[in-house]
Amino acid sequence: MTWCRDRFRTTLAPKQIAPDGSLPLELARTKPYSYSLFNMDVLCGVAQSLSTEADNLWGFTTSDGRGLRSRVTAFESPQGDECFWPGPAGCRRDTTNVFGEGSIPSRASAGE
C-alpha cells in the first residue's frame, strides 16, 4: 500500500493533473469531457482506497499545485462546464453517464 500511495504522489498526480486542475492527456482525446470525468472518478477511487488517517491523498498537492484539490476545483468552477473542454460543441460533452450509479463522484454529488 505504501508503494501505491507513493506512486500516486510521484507519478499519477504529477503526470495526469496539470497545475490548473485539467487533465491534459484526456483533453487530447476524442471525447475529452467523458474521458476527464472517467479519469477523475478513478483518481478519486484511488485516493479513497489508499488514504489513511496519517497519509490523506485527498489533500496531497505537488509544489506547483497538482492534486485532487485542483482537479475538483477546476471541475466545479465555471470553466468546468463545456467552455473548459476543447473541440467542436458536439464533441465537448455526451449524454453518457460516465460515472454510473454508486461511483464516488456520483455519491458525493448526491450528498452521501
Protein backbone atom coordinates (compact mmCIF):
# COMPACT_ATOMS: atom_id res chain seq x y z
CA MET A 1 0.00 0.00 0.00
CA THR A 2 2.88 2.36 0.71
CA TRP A 3 4.20 1.80 -2.82
CA CYS A 4 0.75 2.64 -4.24
CA ARG A 5 0.48 5.85 -2.21
CA ASP A 6 3.99 6.86 -3.30
CA ARG A 7 3.09 6.17 -6.93
CA PHE A 8 0.02 8.38 -6.62
CA ARG A 9 2.19 11.23 -5.30
CA THR A 10 5.17 10.75 -7.64
CA THR A 11 3.57 9.57 -10.88
CA LEU A 12 -0.22 9.75 -11.13
CA ALA A 13 -0.88 13.25 -9.79
CA PRO A 14 2.16 14.93 -11.39
CA LYS A 15 1.71 13.32 -14.80
CA GLN A 16 -2.10 13.30 -15.03
CA ILE A 17 -3.17 16.57 -13.38
CA ALA A 18 -1.99 19.98 -14.63
CA PRO A 19 -1.48 22.83 -12.15
CA ASP A 20 -4.80 24.35 -13.29
CA GLY A 21 -6.61 21.09 -12.47
CA SER A 22 -7.15 19.99 -16.05
CA LEU A 23 -6.16 16.56 -17.34
CA PRO A 24 -4.05 17.30 -20.46
CA LEU A 25 -3.80 13.68 -21.61
CA GLU A 26 -7.58 13.36 -21.55
CA LEU A 27 -8.15 16.75 -23.19
CA ALA A 28 -6.20 15.49 -26.21
CA ARG A 29 -8.60 12.57 -26.74
CA THR A 30 -11.72 12.32 -28.91
CA LYS A 31 -14.25 12.82 -26.06
CA PRO A 32 -12.30 14.96 -23.58
CA TYR A 33 -15.21 15.65 -21.26
CA SER A 34 -16.13 11.99 -20.81
CA TYR A 35 -12.55 10.84 -20.52
CA SER A 36 -11.76 13.57 -17.99
CA LEU A 37 -14.74 12.59 -15.86
CA PHE A 38 -13.80 8.92 -16.02
CA ASN A 39 -10.19 9.70 -15.05
CA MET A 40 -11.40 11.89 -12.18
CA ASP A 41 -13.58 9.02 -10.93
CA VAL A 42 -10.60 6.65 -10.97
CA LEU A 43 -8.28 9.14 -9.24
CA CYS A 44 -10.93 9.72 -6.55
CA GLY A 45 -11.32 5.97 -6.11
CA VAL A 46 -7.57 5.55 -5.72
CA ALA A 47 -7.43 8.34 -3.15
CA GLN A 48 -10.39 6.91 -1.25
CA SER A 49 -8.94 3.39 -1.23
CA LEU A 50 -5.37 4.29 -0.32
CA SER A 51 -5.78 7.19 2.10
CA THR A 52 -5.15 6.64 5.78
CA GLU A 53 -5.50 8.99 8.74
CA ALA A 54 -1.76 9.58 8.62
CA ASP A 55 -1.50 9.81 4.82
CA ASN A 56 -4.52 11.51 3.23
CA LEU A 57 -4.16 11.62 -0.58
CA TRP A 58 -7.22 13.86 -0.94
CA GLY A 59 -5.17 16.78 0.38
CA PHE A 60 -1.93 15.96 -1.44
CA THR A 61 -0.62 18.61 -3.83
CA THR A 62 2.68 18.94 -5.65
CA SER A 63 4.77 22.07 -5.22
CA ASP A 64 3.09 23.57 -8.30
CA GLY A 65 -0.46 22.73 -7.16
CA ARG A 66 -1.20 19.42 -8.91
CA GLY A 67 -3.56 17.20 -6.95
CA LEU A 68 -7.17 16.23 -6.44
CA ARG A 69 -7.96 19.57 -4.83
CA SER A 70 -7.01 21.47 -8.01
CA ARG A 71 -8.85 18.86 -10.12
CA VAL A 72 -12.10 19.17 -8.15
CA THR A 73 -11.80 22.98 -8.05
CA ALA A 74 -11.38 23.10 -11.84
CA PHE A 75 -14.34 20.80 -12.34
CA GLU A 76 -16.59 22.82 -10.02
CA SER A 77 -15.57 26.22 -11.47
CA PRO A 78 -17.47 27.98 -14.26
CA GLN A 79 -14.75 26.73 -16.61
CA GLY A 80 -15.69 23.19 -15.56
CA ASP A 81 -18.64 23.46 -17.88
CA GLU A 82 -18.45 22.91 -21.64
CA CYS A 83 -16.37 26.04 -22.26
CA PHE A 84 -13.45 24.31 -20.48
CA TRP A 85 -13.47 21.40 -22.94
CA PRO A 86 -11.83 21.87 -26.35
CA GLY A 87 -13.24 20.84 -29.70
CA PRO A 88 -16.47 21.40 -31.57
CA ALA A 89 -19.63 21.66 -29.49
CA GLY A 90 -20.75 18.14 -30.44
CA CYS A 91 -17.51 16.65 -29.10
CA ARG A 92 -17.36 18.50 -25.82
CA ARG A 93 -19.90 16.52 -23.96
CA ASP A 94 -22.02 13.46 -24.50
CA THR A 95 -25.02 12.25 -22.58
CA THR A 96 -23.40 9.06 -21.29
CA ASN A 97 -23.33 8.78 -17.52
CA VAL A 98 -19.62 8.04 -17.30
CA PHE A 99 -19.69 7.77 -13.52
CA GLY A 100 -22.54 5.31 -13.23
CA GLU A 101 -24.63 4.52 -10.20
CA GLY A 102 -22.72 4.34 -6.93
CA SER A 103 -19.43 5.85 -8.10
CA ILE A 104 -17.61 8.10 -5.64
CA PRO A 105 -18.30 11.41 -7.50
CA SER A 106 -21.95 10.38 -8.03
CA ARG A 107 -22.36 9.67 -4.32
CA ALA A 108 -20.57 12.91 -3.41
CA SER A 109 -22.84 14.99 -5.62
CA ALA A 110 -25.86 13.24 -4.11
CA GLY A 111 -24.75 14.37 -0.66
CA GLU A 112 -23.74 10.94 0.64
